[in-house]
Amino acid sequence: MPASDLLKLSGVSFAYEGRAVLRAVNLAVGAGQMLCVLGENGAGKSTLLRLCAGILQAQSGRVECAGMLLGERGGLPRSTIARHIAYLPQDSGHIFPFTALEVVLMGRYARARHSFETAEDLQAAEAAMAQTDVLPLRDRPLSQLSGGERRRVLLAQALAQDTEVVLLDEPTAGLDPAHAIALGRAMEGICGRGKALVFTTHDLNLAARFAPQAALVHDGTL
């Protein structure tokens, strides 16, 4: 893998219970690059991101991300992967009784050298919350936030991880146009710091405005 490539898929295939979802996919994203993944529902976009995050194991081919070979049997600890790859799924799962700031600080735990957050962790969390316009909500419980506000808090958590690779699955789902544009600018800032970013979306306007390159997933191929 070239030194500038932070993410590379070589001949990657994946199937659910014998149903092929991705077939012999080749993909490379370099440092400072942003890639948008497009495709209809069920095309395999989310599966592609899970493979890149090391959550799923490719049934053939090779996945390299942030200098790590992912999906090998035995695998790497999630804490190791989380130091290099930030992944935001479509479904944020259960809502726990934490404040917005506490949720964002969870993105720093993989980097923690102590059992408590440092001033550096707090600074990173607050900067990420400012980028997604949730800093005024820092002391609000997640359970009291709207769906769009919770989504922005979770986006801030992914940004606060400060990883080489950022994977966002439908990051603007539930966001109003103003916050979707603000997110696009935040993504540009991430790439400007030399990180690789891949996101999926159905928002063609967002893709056209912010993504210099796009991949269309169709019939299991790119």
Protein backbone atom coordinates (compact mmCIF):
# COMPACT_ATOMS: atom_id res chain seq x y z
CA MET A 1 0.00 0.00 0.00
CA PRO A 2 1.52 3.37 -0.99
CA ALA A 3 2.52 5.50 1.99
CA SER A 4 -0.11 8.10 1.06
CA ASP A 5 -2.97 5.56 1.04
CA LEU A 6 -4.66 5.37 4.42
CA LEU A 7 -7.40 3.04 3.20
CA LYS A 8 -7.14 0.31 0.57
CA LEU A 9 -9.46 -2.54 -0.40
CA SER A 10 -8.08 -5.14 -2.81
CA GLY A 11 -10.44 -7.66 -4.38
CA VAL A 12 -12.80 -7.56 -1.39
CA SER A 13 -15.96 -9.66 -1.49
CA PHE A 14 -18.64 -10.17 1.15
CA ALA A 15 -21.92 -12.08 1.33
CA TYR A 16 -24.71 -12.44 3.88
CA GLU A 17 -25.90 -16.06 4.15
CA GLY A 18 -24.78 -16.79 0.61
CA ARG A 19 -26.21 -13.57 -0.87
CA ALA A 20 -23.36 -11.62 -2.48
CA VAL A 21 -23.34 -7.98 -1.41
CA LEU A 22 -19.89 -6.86 -2.59
CA ARG A 23 -17.79 -8.56 -5.25
CA ALA A 24 -14.07 -8.01 -5.91
CA VAL A 25 -14.13 -4.39 -4.75
CA ASN A 26 -10.96 -2.33 -5.23
CA LEU A 27 -10.74 1.05 -3.54
CA ALA A 28 -8.04 3.41 -2.28
CA VAL A 29 -8.32 6.66 -0.33
CA GLY A 30 -5.24 8.68 0.43
CA ALA A 31 -4.24 11.07 3.16
CA GLY A 32 -6.18 14.31 2.86
CA GLN A 33 -8.80 12.79 0.54
CA MET A 34 -12.56 12.64 0.89
CA LEU A 35 -14.66 9.98 -0.83
CA CYS A 36 -18.44 9.86 -0.99
CA VAL A 37 -20.08 6.44 -1.45
CA LEU A 38 -23.43 6.53 -3.24
CA GLY A 39 -25.98 3.84 -3.98
CA GLU A 40 -29.59 2.84 -3.45
CA ASN A 41 -30.82 1.25 -0.23
CA GLY A 42 -29.40 -2.24 0.21
CA ALA A 43 -26.61 -1.67 -2.33
CA GLY A 44 -23.90 -2.47 0.22
CA LYS A 45 -22.71 1.00 1.28
CA SER A 46 -22.95 0.31 5.01
CA THR A 47 -21.36 -3.11 4.56
CA LEU A 48 -18.45 -1.44 2.79
CA LEU A 49 -17.88 0.92 5.72
CA ARG A 50 -18.11 -1.92 8.26
CA LEU A 51 -15.43 -3.79 6.35
CA CYS A 52 -13.25 -0.67 6.37
CA ALA A 53 -13.81 -0.33 10.13
CA GLY A 54 -12.85 -3.95 10.78
CA ILE A 55 -16.30 -4.80 12.12
CA LEU A 56 -16.96 -7.30 9.33
CA GLN A 57 -14.42 -9.72 7.91
CA ALA A 58 -13.98 -9.88 4.14
CA GLN A 59 -14.64 -13.36 2.76
CA SER A 60 -11.97 -12.77 0.14
CA GLY A 61 -9.54 -10.00 -0.58
CA ARG A 62 -7.64 -7.66 1.68
CA VAL A 63 -8.60 -4.60 3.76
CA GLU A 64 -5.82 -2.25 4.88
CA CYS A 65 -6.68 0.81 6.92
CA ALA A 66 -4.40 3.22 8.78
CA GLY A 67 -1.49 0.80 8.42
CA MET A 68 -3.44 -2.16 9.81
CA LEU A 69 -4.58 -5.32 8.08
CA LEU A 70 -8.20 -5.70 9.14
CA GLY A 71 -10.57 -8.64 9.29
CA GLU A 72 -7.95 -11.28 10.02
CA ARG A 73 -9.11 -14.16 12.18
CA GLY A 74 -8.19 -13.44 15.77
CA GLY A 75 -8.30 -9.77 14.82
CA LEU A 76 -6.98 -6.65 16.46
CA PRO A 77 -8.48 -5.35 19.71
CA ARG A 78 -11.20 -2.77 19.13
CA SER A 79 -9.29 -0.33 21.34
CA THR A 80 -6.34 -0.53 18.93
CA ILE A 81 -8.55 0.02 15.89
CA ALA A 82 -10.33 2.93 17.59
CA ARG A 83 -7.04 4.79 17.98
CA HIS A 84 -6.73 4.89 14.19
CA ILE A 85 -10.27 4.62 12.76
CA ALA A 86 -13.38 6.56 13.77
CA TYR A 87 -16.64 4.98 12.62
CA LEU A 88 -20.13 6.46 12.91
CA PRO A 89 -22.89 3.95 12.03
CA GLN A 90 -26.33 4.86 10.74
CA ASP A 91 -28.02 3.50 13.84
CA SER A 92 -26.74 5.14 17.00
CA GLY A 93 -28.29 2.40 19.14
CA HIS A 94 -29.58 2.88 22.65
CA ILE A 95 -29.81 6.26 24.35
CA PHE A 96 -27.92 6.22 27.63
CA PRO A 97 -28.32 8.75 30.48
CA PHE A 98 -25.13 10.68 29.74
CA THR A 99 -24.72 14.35 28.96
CA ALA A 100 -23.72 15.44 25.48
CA LEU A 101 -20.19 16.27 26.69
CA GLU A 102 -19.80 12.87 28.36
CA VAL A 103 -20.84 11.13 25.13
CA VAL A 104 -18.30 13.11 23.08
CA LEU A 105 -15.57 12.41 25.63
CA MET A 106 -16.17 8.69 25.10
CA GLY A 107 -14.52 9.20 21.72
CA ARG A 108 -11.28 9.95 23.59
CA TYR A 109 -11.21 6.75 25.68
CA ALA A 110 -9.18 4.75 23.14
CA ARG A 111 -6.42 7.34 23.54
CA ALA A 112 -6.67 7.54 27.32
CA ARG A 113 -3.55 6.95 29.37
CA HIS A 114 -5.49 7.45 32.58
CA SER A 115 -8.93 6.47 33.87
CA PHE A 116 -10.02 10.10 33.74
CA GLU A 117 -10.12 12.71 31.00
CA THR A 118 -7.30 15.20 30.66
CA ALA A 119 -7.36 18.87 29.73
CA GLU A 120 -6.30 17.80 26.23
CA ASP A 121 -9.28 15.42 26.00
CA LEU A 122 -11.67 18.15 27.12
CA GLN A 123 -10.21 20.60 24.61
CA ALA A 124 -10.58 18.06 21.77
CA ALA A 125 -14.17 17.27 22.80
CA GLU A 126 -15.18 20.92 22.99
CA ALA A 127 -13.57 21.68 19.62
CA ALA A 128 -15.47 18.80 18.01
CA MET A 129 -18.72 19.96 19.61
CA ALA A 130 -18.16 23.46 18.27
CA GLN A 131 -17.68 22.02 14.77
CA THR A 132 -21.05 20.26 14.93
CA ASP A 133 -22.79 23.13 16.77
CA VAL A 134 -23.62 21.20 19.94
CA LEU A 135 -21.35 22.97 22.43
CA PRO A 136 -24.35 24.84 23.93
CA LEU A 137 -25.89 21.40 24.62
CA ARG A 138 -22.86 20.10 26.53
CA ASP A 139 -24.68 19.66 29.85
CA ARG A 140 -27.95 18.34 28.42
CA PRO A 141 -28.72 14.61 28.79
CA LEU A 142 -28.73 12.78 25.47
CA SER A 143 -32.26 11.56 26.23
CA GLN A 144 -33.53 15.16 26.18
CA LEU A 145 -32.14 15.98 22.74
CA SER A 146 -33.91 15.74 19.41
CA GLY A 147 -32.91 13.10 16.88
CA GLY A 148 -30.92 15.63 14.85
CA GLU A 149 -29.18 16.99 17.95
CA ARG A 150 -28.21 13.48 19.08
CA ARG A 151 -26.83 12.79 15.62
CA ARG A 152 -24.63 15.88 15.81
CA VAL A 153 -23.38 14.85 19.27
CA LEU A 154 -22.37 11.44 17.91
CA LEU A 155 -20.66 13.13 14.97
CA ALA A 156 -18.70 15.21 17.46
CA GLN A 157 -17.72 11.99 19.26
CA ALA A 158 -16.29 10.60 16.01
CA LEU A 159 -14.41 13.85 15.31
CA ALA A 160 -13.01 13.94 18.86
CA GLN A 161 -11.32 10.57 18.33
CA ASP A 162 -8.77 12.40 16.15
CA THR A 163 -7.97 9.37 13.99
CA GLU A 164 -6.18 9.00 10.65
CA VAL A 165 -9.33 7.58 9.02
CA VAL A 166 -12.92 8.74 9.56
CA LEU A 167 -15.87 6.64 8.32
CA LEU A 168 -19.34 8.21 8.44
CA ASP A 169 -22.48 6.28 7.47
CA GLU A 170 -25.25 8.69 6.41
CA PRO A 171 -23.85 11.48 8.64
CA THR A 172 -26.48 14.04 7.60
CA ALA A 173 -29.49 11.79 8.26
CA GLY A 174 -31.94 13.83 10.33
CA LEU A 175 -29.99 17.07 9.96
CA ASP A 176 -31.50 20.28 8.62
CA PRO A 177 -29.82 21.86 5.55
CA ALA A 178 -27.82 24.40 7.57
CA HIS A 179 -26.29 21.76 9.82
CA ALA A 180 -25.67 19.45 6.84
CA ILE A 181 -23.63 22.21 5.19
CA ALA A 182 -21.78 22.88 8.45
CA LEU A 183 -20.95 19.18 8.62
CA GLY A 184 -19.62 19.29 5.07
CA ARG A 185 -17.29 22.11 6.04
CA ALA A 186 -16.18 20.15 9.11
CA MET A 187 -15.39 17.20 6.85
CA GLU A 188 -13.31 19.45 4.61
CA GLY A 189 -11.42 20.54 7.71
CA ILE A 190 -10.72 16.92 8.64
CA CYS A 191 -9.21 16.23 5.22
CA GLY A 192 -7.28 19.48 5.41
CA ARG A 193 -5.45 17.99 8.41
CA GLY A 194 -4.22 15.09 6.28
CA LYS A 195 -6.83 12.52 7.31
CA ALA A 196 -8.81 10.23 4.99
CA LEU A 197 -12.60 10.49 5.15
CA VAL A 198 -15.24 8.23 3.61
CA PHE A 199 -18.96 8.89 3.98
CA THR A 200 -22.13 7.43 2.56
CA THR A 201 -25.13 9.55 1.66
CA HIS A 202 -28.34 9.81 -0.33
CA ASP A 203 -27.92 13.59 -0.42
CA LEU A 204 -26.58 14.25 -3.92
CA ASN A 205 -26.37 17.99 -3.24
CA LEU A 206 -24.06 17.37 -0.28
CA ALA A 207 -21.95 14.98 -2.35
CA ALA A 208 -21.68 17.42 -5.25
CA ARG A 209 -20.76 20.34 -3.01
CA PHE A 210 -18.14 18.73 -0.78
CA ALA A 211 -16.83 15.44 -2.19
CA PRO A 212 -14.08 15.75 -4.85
CA GLN A 213 -14.60 12.07 -5.72
CA ALA A 214 -17.43 9.58 -5.41
CA ALA A 215 -17.97 5.85 -5.80
CA LEU A 216 -21.31 4.36 -6.84
CA VAL A 217 -22.12 0.95 -5.42
CA HIS A 218 -24.31 -0.98 -7.86
CA ASP A 219 -24.97 -4.69 -8.19
CA GLY A 220 -22.16 -5.49 -5.75
CA THR A 221 -19.43 -3.57 -7.58
CA LEU A 222 -18.05 -0.04 -7.63
